[in-house]
PDB file of N, CA and C in Angstrom:
ATOM      1  N   UNK A   1      -6.439-160.031  65.265  1.00  0.00           N
ATOM      2  CA  UNK A   1      -7.766-159.832  65.814  1.00  0.00           C
ATOM      3  C   UNK A   1      -8.062-158.340  65.998  1.00  0.00           C
ATOM      4  N   UNK A   2      -7.085-157.624  66.506  1.00  0.00           N
ATOM      5  CA  UNK A   2      -7.237-156.178  66.724  1.00  0.00           C
ATOM      6  C   UNK A   2      -7.498-155.475  65.386  1.00  0.00           C
ATOM      7  N   UNK A   3      -6.772-155.893  64.367  1.00  0.00           N
ATOM      8  CA  UNK A   3      -6.902-155.263  63.048  1.00  0.00           C
ATOM      9  C   UNK A   3      -8.291-155.508  62.452  1.00  0.00           C
ATOM     10  N   UNK A   4      -8.829-156.708  62.626  1.00  0.00           N
ATOM     11  CA  UNK A   4     -10.170-157.020  62.130  1.00  0.00           C
ATOM     12  C   UNK A   4     -11.214-156.146  62.801  1.00  0.00           C
ATOM     13  N   UNK A   5     -11.060-155.948  64.090  1.00  0.00           N
ATOM     14  CA  UNK A   5     -12.017-155.129  64.834  1.00  0.00           C
ATOM     15  C   UNK A   5     -11.947-153.670  64.366  1.00  0.00           C
ATOM     16  N   UNK A   6     -10.743-153.154  64.122  1.00  0.00           N
ATOM     17  CA  UNK A   6     -10.599-151.786  63.618  1.00  0.00           C
ATOM     18  C   UNK A   6     -11.225-151.659  62.231  1.00  0.00           C
ATOM     19  N   UNK A   7     -11.020-152.667  61.406  1.00  0.00           N
ATOM     20  CA  UNK A   7     -11.597-152.644  60.060  1.00  0.00           C
ATOM     21  C   UNK A   7     -13.119-152.635  60.130  1.00  0.00           C
ATOM     22  N   UNK A   8     -13.686-153.453  61.018  1.00  0.00           N
ATOM     23  CA  UNK A   8     -15.141-153.477  61.178  1.00  0.00           C
ATOM     24  C   UNK A   8     -15.665-152.133  61.681  1.00  0.00           C
ATOM     25  N   UNK A   9     -14.932-151.526  62.609  1.00  0.00           N
ATOM     26  CA  UNK A   9     -15.354-150.221  63.133  1.00  0.00           C
ATOM     27  C   UNK A   9     -15.292-149.163  62.039  1.00  0.00           C
ATOM     28  N   UNK A  10     -14.240-149.188  61.230  1.00  0.00           N
ATOM     29  CA  UNK A  10     -14.120-148.230  60.135  1.00  0.00           C
ATOM     30  C   UNK A  10     -15.240-148.429  59.117  1.00  0.00           C
ATOM     31  N   UNK A  11     -15.545-149.692  58.829  1.00  0.00           N
ATOM     32  CA  UNK A  11     -16.603-149.976  57.866  1.00  0.00           C
ATOM     33  C   UNK A  11     -17.962-149.515  58.405  1.00  0.00           C
ATOM     34  N   UNK A  12     -18.201-149.765  59.688  1.00  0.00           N
ATOM     35  CA  UNK A  12     -19.455-149.335  60.312  1.00  0.00           C
ATOM     36  C   UNK A  12     -19.576-147.818  60.273  1.00  0.00           C
ATOM     37  N   UNK A  13     -18.485-147.127  60.569  1.00  0.00           N
ATOM     38  CA  UNK A  13     -18.473-145.662  60.538  1.00  0.00           C
ATOM     39  C   UNK A  13     -18.766-145.155  59.125  1.00  0.00           C
ATOM     40  N   UNK A  14     -18.158-145.799  58.128  1.00  0.00           N
ATOM     41  CA  UNK A  14     -18.349-145.381  56.732  1.00  0.00           C
ATOM     42  C   UNK A  14     -19.792-145.622  56.281  1.00  0.00           C
ATOM     43  N   UNK A  15     -20.363-146.757  56.700  1.00  0.00           N
ATOM     44  CA  UNK A  15     -21.753-147.056  56.347  1.00  0.00           C
ATOM     45  C   UNK A  15     -22.681-146.011  56.959  1.00  0.00           C
ATOM     46  N   UNK A  16     -22.416-145.622  58.195  1.00  0.00           N
ATOM     47  CA  UNK A  16     -23.245-144.597  58.840  1.00  0.00           C
ATOM     48  C   UNK A  16     -23.139-143.262  58.113  1.00  0.00           C
ATOM     49  N   UNK A  17     -21.925-142.896  57.668  1.00  0.00           N
ATOM     50  CA  UNK A  17     -21.738-141.656  56.907  1.00  0.00           C
ATOM     51  C   UNK A  17     -22.501-141.711  55.591  1.00  0.00           C
ATOM     52  N   UNK A  18     -22.423-142.841  54.918  1.00  0.00           N
ATOM     53  CA  UNK A  18     -23.136-142.986  53.644  1.00  0.00           C
ATOM     54  C   UNK A  18     -24.645-142.928  53.851  1.00  0.00           C
ATOM     55  N   UNK A  19     -25.144-143.514  54.935  1.00  0.00           N
ATOM     56  CA  UNK A  19     -26.576-143.463  55.219  1.00  0.00           C
ATOM     57  C   UNK A  19     -27.027-142.030  55.471  1.00  0.00           C
ATOM     58  N   UNK A  20     -26.221-141.246  56.156  1.00  0.00           N
ATOM     59  CA  UNK A  20     -26.547-139.835  56.385  1.00  0.00           C
ATOM     60  C   UNK A  20     -26.615-139.084  55.061  1.00  0.00           C
ATOM     61  N   UNK A  21     -25.674-139.368  54.169  1.00  0.00           N
ATOM     62  CA  UNK A  21     -25.678-138.713  52.858  1.00  0.00           C
ATOM     63  C   UNK A  21     -26.913-139.105  52.067  1.00  0.00           C
ATOM     64  N   UNK A  22     -27.283-140.376  52.110  1.00  0.00           N
ATOM     65  CA  UNK A  22     -28.480-140.842  51.400  1.00  0.00           C
ATOM     66  C   UNK A  22     -29.718-140.139  51.951  1.00  0.00           C
ATOM     67  N   UNK A  23     -29.812-140.026  53.267  1.00  0.00           N
ATOM     68  CA  UNK A  23     -30.960-139.355  53.886  1.00  0.00           C
ATOM     69  C   UNK A  23     -31.046-137.890  53.456  1.00  0.00           C
ATOM     70  N   UNK A  24     -29.899-137.205  53.435  1.00  0.00           N
ATOM     71  CA  UNK A  24     -29.877-135.800  53.013  1.00  0.00           C
ATOM     72  C   UNK A  24     -30.282-135.664  51.548  1.00  0.00           C
ATOM     73  N   UNK A  25     -29.768-136.545  50.697  1.00  0.00           N
ATOM     74  CA  UNK A  25     -30.094-136.482  49.271  1.00  0.00           C
ATOM     75  C   UNK A  25     -31.555-136.832  49.025  1.00  0.00           C
ATOM     76  N   UNK A  26     -32.094-137.758  49.787  1.00  0.00           N
ATOM     77  CA  UNK A  26     -33.512-138.106  49.652  1.00  0.00           C
ATOM     78  C   UNK A  26     -34.385-136.903  49.988  1.00  0.00           C
ATOM     79  N   UNK A  27     -34.037-136.200  51.050  1.00  0.00           N
ATOM     80  CA  UNK A  27     -34.790-135.003  51.433  1.00  0.00           C
ATOM     81  C   UNK A  27     -34.697-133.930  50.342  1.00  0.00           C
ATOM     82  N   UNK A  28     -33.515-133.760  49.776  1.00  0.00           N
ATOM     83  CA  UNK A  28     -33.322-132.779  48.712  1.00  0.00           C
ATOM     84  C   UNK A  28     -34.135-133.141  47.474  1.00  0.00           C
ATOM     85  N   UNK A  29     -34.112-134.400  47.084  1.00  0.00           N
ATOM     86  CA  UNK A  29     -34.876-134.844  45.914  1.00  0.00           C
ATOM     87  C   UNK A  29     -36.368-134.628  46.148  1.00  0.00           C
ATOM     88  N   UNK A  30     -36.862-134.974  47.326  1.00  0.00           N
ATOM     89  CA  UNK A  30     -38.285-134.761  47.621  1.00  0.00           C
ATOM     90  C   UNK A  30     -38.651-133.284  47.552  1.00  0.00           C
ATOM     91  N   UNK A  31     -37.783-132.423  48.066  1.00  0.00           N
ATOM     92  CA  UNK A  31     -38.030-130.982  48.001  1.00  0.00           C
ATOM     93  C   UNK A  31     -38.050-130.497  46.561  1.00  0.00           C
ATOM     94  N   UNK A  32     -37.084-130.943  45.774  1.00  0.00           N
ATOM     95  CA  UNK A  32     -37.032-130.524  44.374  1.00  0.00           C
ATOM     96  C   UNK A  32     -38.240-131.017  43.595  1.00  0.00           C
ATOM     97  N   UNK A  33     -38.673-132.253  43.831  1.00  0.00           N
ATOM     98  CA  UNK A  33     -39.865-132.760  43.146  1.00  0.00           C
ATOM     99  C   UNK A  33     -41.100-131.959  43.531  1.00  0.00           C
ATOM    100  N   UNK A  34     -41.193-131.572  44.797  1.00  0.00           N
ATOM    101  CA  UNK A  34     -42.332-130.753  45.224  1.00  0.00           C
ATOM    102  C   UNK A  34     -42.330-129.410  44.505  1.00  0.00           C
ATOM    103  N   UNK A  35     -41.165-128.813  44.344  1.00  0.00           N
ATOM    104  CA  UNK A  35     -41.059-127.527  43.652  1.00  0.00           C
ATOM    105  C   UNK A  35     -41.395-127.691  42.173  1.00  0.00           C
ATOM    106  N   UNK A  36     -40.934-128.764  41.568  1.00  0.00           N
ATOM    107  CA  UNK A  36     -41.160-128.986  40.139  1.00  0.00           C
ATOM    108  C   UNK A  36     -42.640-129.162  39.835  1.00  0.00           C
ATOM    109  N   UNK A  37     -43.358-129.929  40.650  1.00  0.00           N
ATOM    110  CA  UNK A  37     -44.752-130.227  40.345  1.00  0.00           C
ATOM    111  C   UNK A  37     -45.720-129.168  40.850  1.00  0.00           C
ATOM    112  N   UNK A  38     -45.245-128.209  41.639  1.00  0.00           N
ATOM    113  CA  UNK A  38     -46.128-127.158  42.146  1.00  0.00           C
ATOM    114  C   UNK A  38     -46.417-126.153  41.046  1.00  0.00           C
ATOM    115  N   UNK A  39     -47.653-125.712  40.998  1.00  0.00           N
ATOM    116  CA  UNK A  39     -48.027-124.717  39.996  1.00  0.00           C
ATOM    117  C   UNK A  39     -47.447-123.359  40.385  1.00  0.00           C
ATOM    118  N   UNK A  40     -47.205-122.484  39.390  1.00  0.00           N
ATOM    119  CA  UNK A  40     -46.558-121.193  39.666  1.00  0.00           C
ATOM    120  C   UNK A  40     -47.283-120.337  40.705  1.00  0.00           C
ATOM    121  N   UNK A  41     -48.621-120.378  40.725  1.00  0.00           N
ATOM    122  CA  UNK A  41     -49.351-119.540  41.675  1.00  0.00           C
ATOM    123  C   UNK A  41     -49.535-120.218  43.034  1.00  0.00           C
ATOM    124  N   UNK A  42     -49.086-121.470  43.157  1.00  0.00           N
ATOM    125  CA  UNK A  42     -49.193-122.174  44.422  1.00  0.00           C
ATOM    126  C   UNK A  42     -50.553-122.786  44.671  1.00  0.00           C
ATOM    127  N   UNK A  43     -51.498-122.593  43.746  1.00  0.00           N
ATOM    128  CA  UNK A  43     -52.840-123.143  43.902  1.00  0.00           C
ATOM    129  C   UNK A  43     -52.948-124.383  43.032  1.00  0.00           C
ATOM    130  N   UNK A  44     -53.484-125.436  43.591  1.00  0.00           N
ATOM    131  CA  UNK A  44     -53.640-126.673  42.838  1.00  0.00           C
ATOM    132  C   UNK A  44     -55.023-126.705  42.201  1.00  0.00           C
ATOM    133  N   UNK A  45     -55.070-126.437  40.914  1.00  0.00           N
ATOM    134  CA  UNK A  45     -56.335-126.440  40.197  1.00  0.00           C
ATOM    135  C   UNK A  45     -56.657-127.809  39.620  1.00  0.00           C
ATOM    136  N   UNK A  46     -55.719-128.729  39.772  1.00  0.00           N
ATOM    137  CA  UNK A  46     -55.940-130.054  39.218  1.00  0.00           C
ATOM    138  C   UNK A  46     -55.108-130.312  37.976  1.00  0.00           C
ATOM    139  N   UNK A  47     -54.543-129.256  37.397  1.00  0.00           N
ATOM    140  CA  UNK A  47     -53.744-129.448  36.188  1.00  0.00           C
ATOM    141  C   UNK A  47     -52.338-129.936  36.515  1.00  0.00           C
ATOM    142  N   UNK A  48     -51.895-129.746  37.748  1.00  0.00           N
ATOM    143  CA  UNK A  48     -50.594-130.253  38.176  1.00  0.00           C
ATOM    144  C   UNK A  48     -50.828-131.284  39.276  1.00  0.00           C
ATOM    145  N   UNK A  49     -50.008-132.329  39.320  1.00  0.00           N
ATOM    146  CA  UNK A  49     -50.202-133.347  40.367  1.00  0.00           C
ATOM    147  C   UNK A  49     -49.897-132.794  41.751  1.00  0.00           C
ATOM    148  N   UNK A  50     -50.566-133.343  42.735  1.00  0.00           N
ATOM    149  CA  UNK A  50     -50.339-132.926  44.118  1.00  0.00           C
ATOM    150  C   UNK A  50     -49.052-133.540  44.643  1.00  0.00           C
ATOM    151  N   UNK A  51     -48.354-132.835  45.534  1.00  0.00           N
ATOM    152  CA  UNK A  51     -47.169-133.435  46.153  1.00  0.00           C
ATOM    153  C   UNK A  51     -47.572-134.706  46.892  1.00  0.00           C
ATOM    154  N   UNK A  52     -46.685-135.670  46.919  1.00  0.00           N
ATOM    155  CA  UNK A  52     -46.916-136.968  47.556  1.00  0.00           C
ATOM    156  C   UNK A  52     -48.022-137.755  46.863  1.00  0.00           C
ATOM    157  N   UNK A  53     -48.439-137.311  45.701  1.00  0.00           N
ATOM    158  CA  UNK A  53     -49.410-138.049  44.917  1.00  0.00           C
ATOM    159  C   UNK A  53     -48.698-138.879  43.876  1.00  0.00           C
ATOM    160  N   UNK A  54     -49.463-139.589  43.097  1.00  0.00           N
ATOM    161  CA  UNK A  54     -48.864-140.418  42.050  1.00  0.00           C
ATOM    162  C   UNK A  54     -48.275-139.514  40.977  1.00  0.00           C
ATOM    163  N   UNK A  55     -47.077-139.848  40.533  1.00  0.00           N
ATOM    164  CA  UNK A  55     -46.405-139.050  39.522  1.00  0.00           C
ATOM    165  C   UNK A  55     -46.472-139.730  38.158  1.00  0.00           C
ATOM    166  N   UNK A  56     -47.562-140.399  37.898  1.00  0.00           N
ATOM    167  CA  UNK A  56     -47.718-141.021  36.586  1.00  0.00           C
ATOM    168  C   UNK A  56     -48.124-139.967  35.575  1.00  0.00           C
ATOM    169  N   UNK A  57     -47.706-140.128  34.383  1.00  0.00           N
ATOM    170  CA  UNK A  57     -48.013-139.225  33.279  1.00  0.00           C
ATOM    171  C   UNK A  57     -47.536-137.811  33.534  1.00  0.00           C
ATOM    172  N   UNK A  58     -46.418-137.665  34.206  1.00  0.00           N
ATOM    173  CA  UNK A  58     -45.816-136.353  34.447  1.00  0.00           C
ATOM    174  C   UNK A  58     -44.604-136.243  33.540  1.00  0.00           C
ATOM    175  N   UNK A  59     -44.567-135.216  32.730  1.00  0.00           N
ATOM    176  CA  UNK A  59     -43.445-135.004  31.814  1.00  0.00           C
ATOM    177  C   UNK A  59     -42.550-133.931  32.397  1.00  0.00           C
ATOM    178  N   UNK A  60     -41.248-134.209  32.445  1.00  0.00           N
ATOM    179  CA  UNK A  60     -40.313-133.215  32.984  1.00  0.00           C
ATOM    180  C   UNK A  60     -39.303-132.881  31.932  1.00  0.00           C
TER     181      UNK A  60
END
């Protein structure tokens, strides 16, 4: 019984670590996508999609 509880605690700890990594990677991906779709001068003239907008028909 003790061993099962330790295993569950270890698994819970590992899941929490993995969730933190996923959250960090999600933030990084969102930042990189914002940089990729931003126009060089920082002004959105309409030729580049807006951040948090639909990314359809975007070629990378």
